[in-house]
Amino acid sequence: MRQSRRMSFLESLTNVAVGYGVAVTAQIAVFPLFGLHVPLADNLMIGAIFTAISILRSYTLRRIFEEIRVRKVWS
């Protein structure tokens, strides 16, 4: 059974939403080690930008691999 585009997108969103929290927490912990002192609002915005990029990347890769599976290119 094929995974629908909607479910692919929902899976990607869920994955990235969890990753967003991890990323922002990591930024808050790691940036100061490199002498970067970023306000929380900026950390949240940086995380949001990378989250949007990650959603698009994850969705695109999911659709590519689903197409490969359906076509059985790698039998």
C-alpha atoms as a PDB file:
ATOM      1  CA  MET A   1       0.000   0.000   0.000  1.00  0.00           C
ATOM      2  CA  ARG A   2       1.299   3.453  -0.928  1.00  0.00           C
ATOM      3  CA  GLN A   3       1.783   6.212   1.577  1.00  0.00           C
ATOM      4  CA  SER A   4      -0.288   9.235   0.571  1.00  0.00           C
ATOM      5  CA  ARG A   5       1.336  12.600  -0.015  1.00  0.00           C
ATOM      6  CA  ARG A   6      -0.621  13.973   2.930  1.00  0.00           C
ATOM      7  CA  MET A   7       0.687  11.285   5.273  1.00  0.00           C
ATOM      8  CA  SER A   8       4.228  11.826   3.954  1.00  0.00           C
ATOM      9  CA  PHE A   9       3.916  15.501   4.764  1.00  0.00           C
ATOM     10  CA  LEU A  10       2.405  14.815   8.206  1.00  0.00           C
ATOM     11  CA  GLU A  11       5.209  12.383   9.030  1.00  0.00           C
ATOM     12  CA  SER A  12       7.803  14.953   7.953  1.00  0.00           C
ATOM     13  CA  LEU A  13       6.156  17.689  10.018  1.00  0.00           C
ATOM     14  CA  THR A  14       6.044  15.515  13.124  1.00  0.00           C
ATOM     15  CA  ASN A  15       9.669  14.513  12.715  1.00  0.00           C
ATOM     16  CA  VAL A  16      10.818  18.086  12.217  1.00  0.00           C
ATOM     17  CA  ALA A  17       8.675  19.490  15.046  1.00  0.00           C
ATOM     18  CA  VAL A  18      10.475  17.223  17.495  1.00  0.00           C
ATOM     19  CA  GLY A  19      13.788  18.141  15.851  1.00  0.00           C
ATOM     20  CA  TYR A  20      12.997  21.855  16.251  1.00  0.00           C
ATOM     21  CA  GLY A  21      12.951  21.584  20.028  1.00  0.00           C
ATOM     22  CA  VAL A  22      16.179  19.595  20.030  1.00  0.00           C
ATOM     23  CA  ALA A  23      17.840  22.074  17.644  1.00  0.00           C
ATOM     24  CA  VAL A  24      16.909  25.181  19.631  1.00  0.00           C
ATOM     25  CA  THR A  25      18.045  23.547  22.857  1.00  0.00           C
ATOM     26  CA  ALA A  26      21.332  22.563  21.193  1.00  0.00           C
ATOM     27  CA  GLN A  27      21.831  26.097  19.851  1.00  0.00           C
ATOM     28  CA  ILE A  28      21.322  27.555  23.316  1.00  0.00           C
ATOM     29  CA  ALA A  29      23.903  25.132  24.717  1.00  0.00           C
ATOM     30  CA  VAL A  30      26.459  25.173  21.872  1.00  0.00           C
ATOM     31  CA  PHE A  31      26.513  28.744  20.540  1.00  0.00           C
ATOM     32  CA  PRO A  32      28.113  30.173  23.706  1.00  0.00           C
ATOM     33  CA  LEU A  33      30.927  27.613  23.408  1.00  0.00           C
ATOM     34  CA  PHE A  34      31.869  29.406  20.175  1.00  0.00           C
ATOM     35  CA  GLY A  35      31.498  32.883  21.637  1.00  0.00           C
ATOM     36  CA  LEU A  36      28.079  33.432  20.074  1.00  0.00           C
ATOM     37  CA  HIS A  37      25.584  34.994  22.438  1.00  0.00           C
ATOM     38  CA  VAL A  38      22.221  34.986  20.678  1.00  0.00           C
ATOM     39  CA  PRO A  39      18.961  36.185  22.255  1.00  0.00           C
ATOM     40  CA  LEU A  40      16.248  33.549  22.679  1.00  0.00           C
ATOM     41  CA  ALA A  41      14.037  35.202  20.033  1.00  0.00           C
ATOM     42  CA  ASP A  42      16.870  34.946  17.499  1.00  0.00           C
ATOM     43  CA  ASN A  43      17.524  31.309  18.456  1.00  0.00           C
ATOM     44  CA  LEU A  44      13.853  30.559  17.857  1.00  0.00           C
ATOM     45  CA  MET A  45      13.939  32.310  14.458  1.00  0.00           C
ATOM     46  CA  ILE A  46      17.134  30.509  13.400  1.00  0.00           C
ATOM     47  CA  GLY A  47      15.503  27.228  14.437  1.00  0.00           C
ATOM     48  CA  ALA A  48      12.349  28.099  12.477  1.00  0.00           C
ATOM     49  CA  ILE A  49      14.302  28.840   9.289  1.00  0.00           C
ATOM     50  CA  PHE A  50      16.193  25.564   9.473  1.00  0.00           C
ATOM     51  CA  THR A  51      12.969  23.761  10.348  1.00  0.00           C
ATOM     52  CA  ALA A  52      11.286  25.004   7.171  1.00  0.00           C
ATOM     53  CA  ILE A  53      14.276  23.855   5.132  1.00  0.00           C
ATOM     54  CA  SER A  54      14.211  20.489   6.879  1.00  0.00           C
ATOM     55  CA  ILE A  55      10.498  19.970   6.188  1.00  0.00           C
ATOM     56  CA  LEU A  56      11.015  20.569   2.481  1.00  0.00           C
ATOM     57  CA  ARG A  57      14.068  18.296   2.390  1.00  0.00           C
ATOM     58  CA  SER A  58      12.363  15.493   4.265  1.00  0.00           C
ATOM     59  CA  TYR A  59       9.180  15.654   2.177  1.00  0.00           C
ATOM     60  CA  THR A  60      11.108  15.713  -1.098  1.00  0.00           C
ATOM     61  CA  LEU A  61      13.247  12.728  -0.151  1.00  0.00           C
ATOM     62  CA  ARG A  62      10.197  10.803   1.059  1.00  0.00           C
ATOM     63  CA  ARG A  63       8.411  11.364  -2.262  1.00  0.00           C
ATOM     64  CA  ILE A  64      11.517  10.361  -4.260  1.00  0.00           C
ATOM     65  CA  PHE A  65      11.879   7.117  -2.332  1.00  0.00           C
ATOM     66  CA  GLU A  66       8.146   6.414  -2.602  1.00  0.00           C
ATOM     67  CA  GLU A  67       8.371   6.839  -6.368  1.00  0.00           C
ATOM     68  CA  ILE A  68      11.358   4.470  -6.474  1.00  0.00           C
ATOM     69  CA  ARG A  69       9.401   1.925  -4.421  1.00  0.00           C
ATOM     70  CA  VAL A  70       6.334   2.152  -6.649  1.00  0.00           C
ATOM     71  CA  ARG A  71       8.366   1.821  -9.846  1.00  0.00           C
ATOM     72  CA  LYS A  72      10.493  -0.916  -8.279  1.00  0.00           C
ATOM     73  CA  VAL A  73      13.556   0.635  -9.849  1.00  0.00           C
ATOM     74  CA  TRP A  74      15.792  -1.095  -7.304  1.00  0.00           C
ATOM     75  CA  SER A  75      14.340  -4.603  -7.571  1.00  0.00           C
END
